[in-house]
Amino acid sequence: SRLLLGDADGALHVYHTANGKKTLILGKSKTSKDSVTDAQWDPLSEDYLLVSFQDGSLSLYDVSSLREIHAFDIQSQPVKSMAWAKSQPGNFLTS
C-alpha cells in the first residue's frame, strides 16, 4: 500500500509502506507553486495518479516513471475534490 502527501508548493510525496521506498513527484512545484487540493489513484492502475491544484488545473501522473501523462484544461474554479467514475473506466468527476 501507499501513502500520498500533497504539499502547499505543488509537490507530491509517495511513500510505499511495504518497502519504505519514497518517491517525489515535482508536480506544480517546478512552475507555479500552486498547492495540491486533491489526489486520487486510478482504480484500474497501480501507477496512475490524478491530481488537482489550487489554480484549477488537473494532471494525470505516472508514478512509476515520475512523469506527467496529461494536463487537462484549467477549470474556471479551483477543484476541491475529485472521484473516479467507477461505472465509466477512465472518467472522473470534479467539484
N, C-alpha and C. Protein backbone atom coordinates (compact mmCIF):
# COMPACT_ATOMS: atom_id res chain seq x y z
N SER A 1 0.83 -1.18 0.00
CA SER A 1 0.00 0.00 0.00
C SER A 1 0.88 1.25 0.00
N ARG A 2 0.25 2.37 -0.30
CA ARG A 2 0.98 3.63 -0.44
C ARG A 2 0.29 4.75 0.35
N LEU A 3 1.11 5.70 0.72
CA LEU A 3 0.63 6.90 1.39
C LEU A 3 1.04 8.08 0.52
N LEU A 4 0.11 8.96 0.25
CA LEU A 4 0.38 10.11 -0.61
C LEU A 4 0.20 11.39 0.18
N LEU A 5 1.17 12.29 0.06
CA LEU A 5 1.09 13.60 0.68
C LEU A 5 1.26 14.66 -0.39
N GLY A 6 0.38 15.65 -0.41
CA GLY A 6 0.48 16.77 -1.33
C GLY A 6 0.91 18.01 -0.57
N ASP A 7 1.88 18.72 -1.11
CA ASP A 7 2.42 19.92 -0.46
C ASP A 7 1.70 21.18 -0.90
N ALA A 8 1.86 22.22 -0.09
CA ALA A 8 1.34 23.54 -0.45
C ALA A 8 2.06 24.10 -1.66
N ASP A 9 3.27 23.63 -1.95
CA ASP A 9 4.01 24.13 -3.12
C ASP A 9 3.77 23.31 -4.37
N GLY A 10 2.86 22.34 -4.33
CA GLY A 10 2.50 21.56 -5.51
C GLY A 10 3.25 20.26 -5.69
N ALA A 11 4.18 19.94 -4.81
CA ALA A 11 4.90 18.67 -4.91
C ALA A 11 4.08 17.55 -4.29
N LEU A 12 4.35 16.32 -4.72
CA LEU A 12 3.68 15.13 -4.20
C LEU A 12 4.72 14.16 -3.69
N HIS A 13 4.45 13.57 -2.54
CA HIS A 13 5.35 12.59 -1.94
C HIS A 13 4.59 11.27 -1.82
N VAL A 14 5.13 10.21 -2.40
CA VAL A 14 4.52 8.89 -2.34
C VAL A 14 5.42 8.00 -1.48
N TYR A 15 4.85 7.44 -0.42
CA TYR A 15 5.58 6.53 0.46
C TYR A 15 5.01 5.13 0.26
N HIS A 16 5.88 4.21 -0.13
CA HIS A 16 5.48 2.81 -0.31
C HIS A 16 5.70 2.11 1.03
N THR A 17 4.62 1.81 1.71
CA THR A 17 4.72 1.29 3.07
C THR A 17 5.32 -0.11 3.14
N ALA A 18 5.19 -0.90 2.08
CA ALA A 18 5.71 -2.26 2.11
C ALA A 18 7.24 -2.31 2.12
N ASN A 19 7.87 -1.40 1.36
CA ASN A 19 9.33 -1.47 1.26
C ASN A 19 10.04 -0.20 1.74
N GLY A 20 9.29 0.80 2.19
CA GLY A 20 9.88 2.03 2.70
C GLY A 20 10.39 2.98 1.63
N LYS A 21 10.16 2.65 0.36
CA LYS A 21 10.61 3.50 -0.74
C LYS A 21 9.82 4.80 -0.76
N LYS A 22 10.52 5.91 -1.06
CA LYS A 22 9.89 7.22 -1.17
C LYS A 22 10.06 7.74 -2.60
N THR A 23 9.00 8.31 -3.13
CA THR A 23 9.02 8.86 -4.48
C THR A 23 8.57 10.31 -4.41
N LEU A 24 9.27 11.20 -5.11
CA LEU A 24 8.88 12.60 -5.18
C LEU A 24 8.45 12.93 -6.59
N ILE A 25 7.26 13.49 -6.72
CA ILE A 25 6.76 13.99 -7.99
C ILE A 25 6.70 15.50 -7.84
N LEU A 26 7.42 16.22 -8.68
CA LEU A 26 7.52 17.67 -8.52
C LEU A 26 6.20 18.39 -8.76
N GLY A 27 5.33 17.86 -9.59
CA GLY A 27 4.04 18.47 -9.83
C GLY A 27 4.18 19.93 -10.22
N LYS A 28 3.40 20.80 -9.60
CA LYS A 28 3.42 22.23 -9.89
C LYS A 28 4.57 22.95 -9.21
N SER A 29 5.32 22.28 -8.37
CA SER A 29 6.39 22.95 -7.64
C SER A 29 7.47 23.49 -8.57
N LYS A 30 7.56 22.94 -9.80
CA LYS A 30 8.54 23.42 -10.77
C LYS A 30 8.11 24.73 -11.42
N THR A 31 6.81 24.97 -11.51
CA THR A 31 6.33 26.10 -12.29
C THR A 31 5.60 27.14 -11.45
N SER A 32 4.39 26.84 -11.04
CA SER A 32 3.56 27.89 -10.44
C SER A 32 3.45 27.83 -8.93
N LYS A 33 3.89 26.77 -8.31
CA LYS A 33 3.81 26.61 -6.85
C LYS A 33 2.36 26.57 -6.33
N ASP A 34 1.41 26.15 -7.16
CA ASP A 34 0.03 26.03 -6.70
C ASP A 34 -0.13 24.78 -5.85
N SER A 35 -0.85 24.92 -4.76
CA SER A 35 -0.99 23.81 -3.82
C SER A 35 -1.88 22.70 -4.38
N VAL A 36 -1.65 21.51 -3.89
CA VAL A 36 -2.46 20.34 -4.23
C VAL A 36 -3.77 20.44 -3.46
N THR A 37 -4.90 20.29 -4.17
CA THR A 37 -6.20 20.32 -3.50
C THR A 37 -6.81 18.93 -3.35
N ASP A 38 -6.45 18.00 -4.24
CA ASP A 38 -6.92 16.62 -4.12
C ASP A 38 -6.05 15.73 -5.00
N ALA A 39 -6.03 14.46 -4.68
CA ALA A 39 -5.31 13.47 -5.48
C ALA A 39 -6.02 12.13 -5.32
N GLN A 40 -6.18 11.44 -6.44
CA GLN A 40 -6.89 10.16 -6.43
C GLN A 40 -6.14 9.15 -7.30
N TRP A 41 -5.91 7.96 -6.75
CA TRP A 41 -5.31 6.87 -7.52
C TRP A 41 -6.35 6.34 -8.49
N ASP A 42 -5.93 6.01 -9.70
CA ASP A 42 -6.80 5.38 -10.68
C ASP A 42 -7.11 3.97 -10.17
N PRO A 43 -8.39 3.61 -10.03
CA PRO A 43 -8.72 2.27 -9.52
C PRO A 43 -8.30 1.13 -10.46
N LEU A 44 -7.97 1.45 -11.70
CA LEU A 44 -7.59 0.42 -12.66
C LEU A 44 -6.08 0.35 -12.90
N SER A 45 -5.31 1.17 -12.20
CA SER A 45 -3.87 1.20 -12.41
C SER A 45 -3.14 1.42 -11.09
N GLU A 46 -2.05 0.73 -10.89
CA GLU A 46 -1.20 0.92 -9.71
C GLU A 46 -0.36 2.19 -9.82
N ASP A 47 -0.21 2.71 -11.03
CA ASP A 47 0.74 3.79 -11.28
C ASP A 47 0.13 5.14 -11.58
N TYR A 48 -1.14 5.21 -11.97
CA TYR A 48 -1.73 6.47 -12.41
C TYR A 48 -2.36 7.22 -11.25
N LEU A 49 -2.02 8.50 -11.19
CA LEU A 49 -2.47 9.37 -10.11
C LEU A 49 -3.03 10.66 -10.70
N LEU A 50 -4.28 10.97 -10.41
CA LEU A 50 -4.93 12.19 -10.86
C LEU A 50 -4.81 13.22 -9.75
N VAL A 51 -4.32 14.42 -10.09
CA VAL A 51 -4.05 15.46 -9.09
C VAL A 51 -4.68 16.78 -9.52
N SER A 52 -5.31 17.46 -8.57
CA SER A 52 -5.85 18.80 -8.84
C SER A 52 -5.07 19.82 -8.02
N PHE A 53 -5.00 21.03 -8.57
CA PHE A 53 -4.22 22.10 -7.95
C PHE A 53 -5.09 23.33 -7.72
N GLN A 54 -4.64 24.21 -6.85
CA GLN A 54 -5.37 25.41 -6.46
C GLN A 54 -5.73 26.31 -7.65
N ASP A 55 -4.91 26.31 -8.69
CA ASP A 55 -5.19 27.17 -9.85
C ASP A 55 -6.27 26.62 -10.77
N GLY A 56 -6.87 25.46 -10.42
CA GLY A 56 -7.92 24.85 -11.23
C GLY A 56 -7.40 23.85 -12.25
N SER A 57 -6.10 23.61 -12.27
CA SER A 57 -5.54 22.65 -13.22
C SER A 57 -5.61 21.23 -12.67
N LEU A 58 -5.62 20.28 -13.60
CA LEU A 58 -5.65 18.86 -13.28
C LEU A 58 -4.56 18.18 -14.10
N SER A 59 -3.87 17.23 -13.48
CA SER A 59 -2.83 16.48 -14.18
C SER A 59 -2.92 15.01 -13.83
N LEU A 60 -2.61 14.18 -14.81
CA LEU A 60 -2.53 12.74 -14.60
C LEU A 60 -1.06 12.36 -14.65
N TYR A 61 -0.56 11.73 -13.59
CA TYR A 61 0.84 11.35 -13.48
C TYR A 61 0.99 9.84 -13.49
N ASP A 62 2.10 9.39 -14.06
CA ASP A 62 2.51 8.00 -13.98
C ASP A 62 3.59 7.96 -12.89
N VAL A 63 3.26 7.41 -11.75
CA VAL A 63 4.17 7.42 -10.61
C VAL A 63 5.40 6.56 -10.86
N SER A 64 5.25 5.49 -11.64
CA SER A 64 6.40 4.62 -11.89
C SER A 64 7.47 5.31 -12.74
N SER A 65 7.07 6.20 -13.64
CA SER A 65 8.04 6.90 -14.48
C SER A 65 8.27 8.34 -14.03
N LEU A 66 7.52 8.78 -13.02
CA LEU A 66 7.63 10.14 -12.48
C LEU A 66 7.36 11.22 -13.52
N ARG A 67 6.43 10.95 -14.42
CA ARG A 67 6.16 11.96 -15.43
C ARG A 67 4.66 12.24 -15.56
N GLU A 68 4.38 13.44 -16.02
CA GLU A 68 3.01 13.83 -16.28
C GLU A 68 2.57 13.21 -17.61
N ILE A 69 1.46 12.52 -17.58
CA ILE A 69 0.93 11.88 -18.79
C ILE A 69 0.05 12.85 -19.56
N HIS A 70 -0.77 13.60 -18.81
CA HIS A 70 -1.70 14.52 -19.46
C HIS A 70 -2.02 15.68 -18.53
N ALA A 71 -2.05 16.88 -19.08
CA ALA A 71 -2.50 18.07 -18.35
C ALA A 71 -3.86 18.46 -18.92
N PHE A 72 -4.87 18.50 -18.08
CA PHE A 72 -6.22 18.84 -18.52
C PHE A 72 -6.40 20.36 -18.54
N ASP A 73 -7.40 20.82 -19.27
CA ASP A 73 -7.69 22.26 -19.31
C ASP A 73 -7.97 22.78 -17.91
N ILE A 74 -7.52 23.99 -17.65
CA ILE A 74 -7.75 24.61 -16.35
C ILE A 74 -9.24 24.89 -16.18
N GLN A 75 -9.76 24.53 -15.01
CA GLN A 75 -11.15 24.76 -14.68
C GLN A 75 -11.34 26.23 -14.29
N SER A 76 -12.56 26.71 -14.35
CA SER A 76 -12.82 28.12 -14.02
C SER A 76 -12.71 28.39 -12.52
N GLN A 77 -12.82 27.36 -11.71
CA GLN A 77 -12.71 27.47 -10.26
C GLN A 77 -11.71 26.43 -9.76
N PRO A 78 -11.09 26.67 -8.60
CA PRO A 78 -10.22 25.62 -8.03
C PRO A 78 -11.02 24.33 -7.79
N VAL A 79 -10.41 23.20 -8.07
CA VAL A 79 -11.05 21.91 -7.83
C VAL A 79 -10.83 21.53 -6.37
N LYS A 80 -11.92 21.31 -5.65
CA LYS A 80 -11.84 20.95 -4.23
C LYS A 80 -11.79 19.44 -4.01
N SER A 81 -12.48 18.70 -4.90
CA SER A 81 -12.47 17.24 -4.75
C SER A 81 -12.72 16.58 -6.11
N MET A 82 -12.29 15.33 -6.20
CA MET A 82 -12.44 14.54 -7.42
C MET A 82 -12.81 13.12 -7.05
N ALA A 83 -13.37 12.41 -8.02
CA ALA A 83 -13.65 10.99 -7.83
C ALA A 83 -13.64 10.31 -9.20
N TRP A 84 -13.06 9.13 -9.25
CA TRP A 84 -13.10 8.34 -10.48
C TRP A 84 -14.51 7.78 -10.64
N ALA A 85 -15.03 7.78 -11.85
CA ALA A 85 -16.36 7.23 -12.14
C ALA A 85 -16.20 5.72 -12.35
N LYS A 86 -16.53 4.95 -11.34
CA LYS A 86 -16.32 3.50 -11.39
C LYS A 86 -17.14 2.83 -12.49
N SER A 87 -18.31 3.38 -12.81
CA SER A 87 -19.14 2.78 -13.85
C SER A 87 -18.65 3.14 -15.26
N GLN A 88 -17.73 4.12 -15.36
CA GLN A 88 -17.17 4.53 -16.64
C GLN A 88 -15.65 4.62 -16.53
N PRO A 89 -14.95 3.50 -16.68
CA PRO A 89 -13.50 3.49 -16.52
C PRO A 89 -12.80 4.59 -17.33
N GLY A 90 -11.85 5.27 -16.69
CA GLY A 90 -11.11 6.33 -17.34
C GLY A 90 -11.72 7.70 -17.19
N ASN A 91 -12.94 7.78 -16.69
CA ASN A 91 -13.61 9.07 -16.49
C ASN A 91 -13.60 9.45 -15.02
N PHE A 92 -13.71 10.74 -14.76
CA PHE A 92 -13.74 11.23 -13.39
C PHE A 92 -14.62 12.46 -13.28
N LEU A 93 -14.97 12.78 -12.05
CA LEU A 93 -15.80 13.95 -11.75
C LEU A 93 -15.03 14.90 -10.87
N THR A 94 -15.30 16.19 -10.99
CA THR A 94 -14.65 17.18 -10.12
C THR A 94 -15.71 18.10 -9.54
N SER A 95 -15.37 18.70 -8.44
CA SER A 95 -16.25 19.73 -7.86
C SER A 95 -15.42 20.80 -7.21
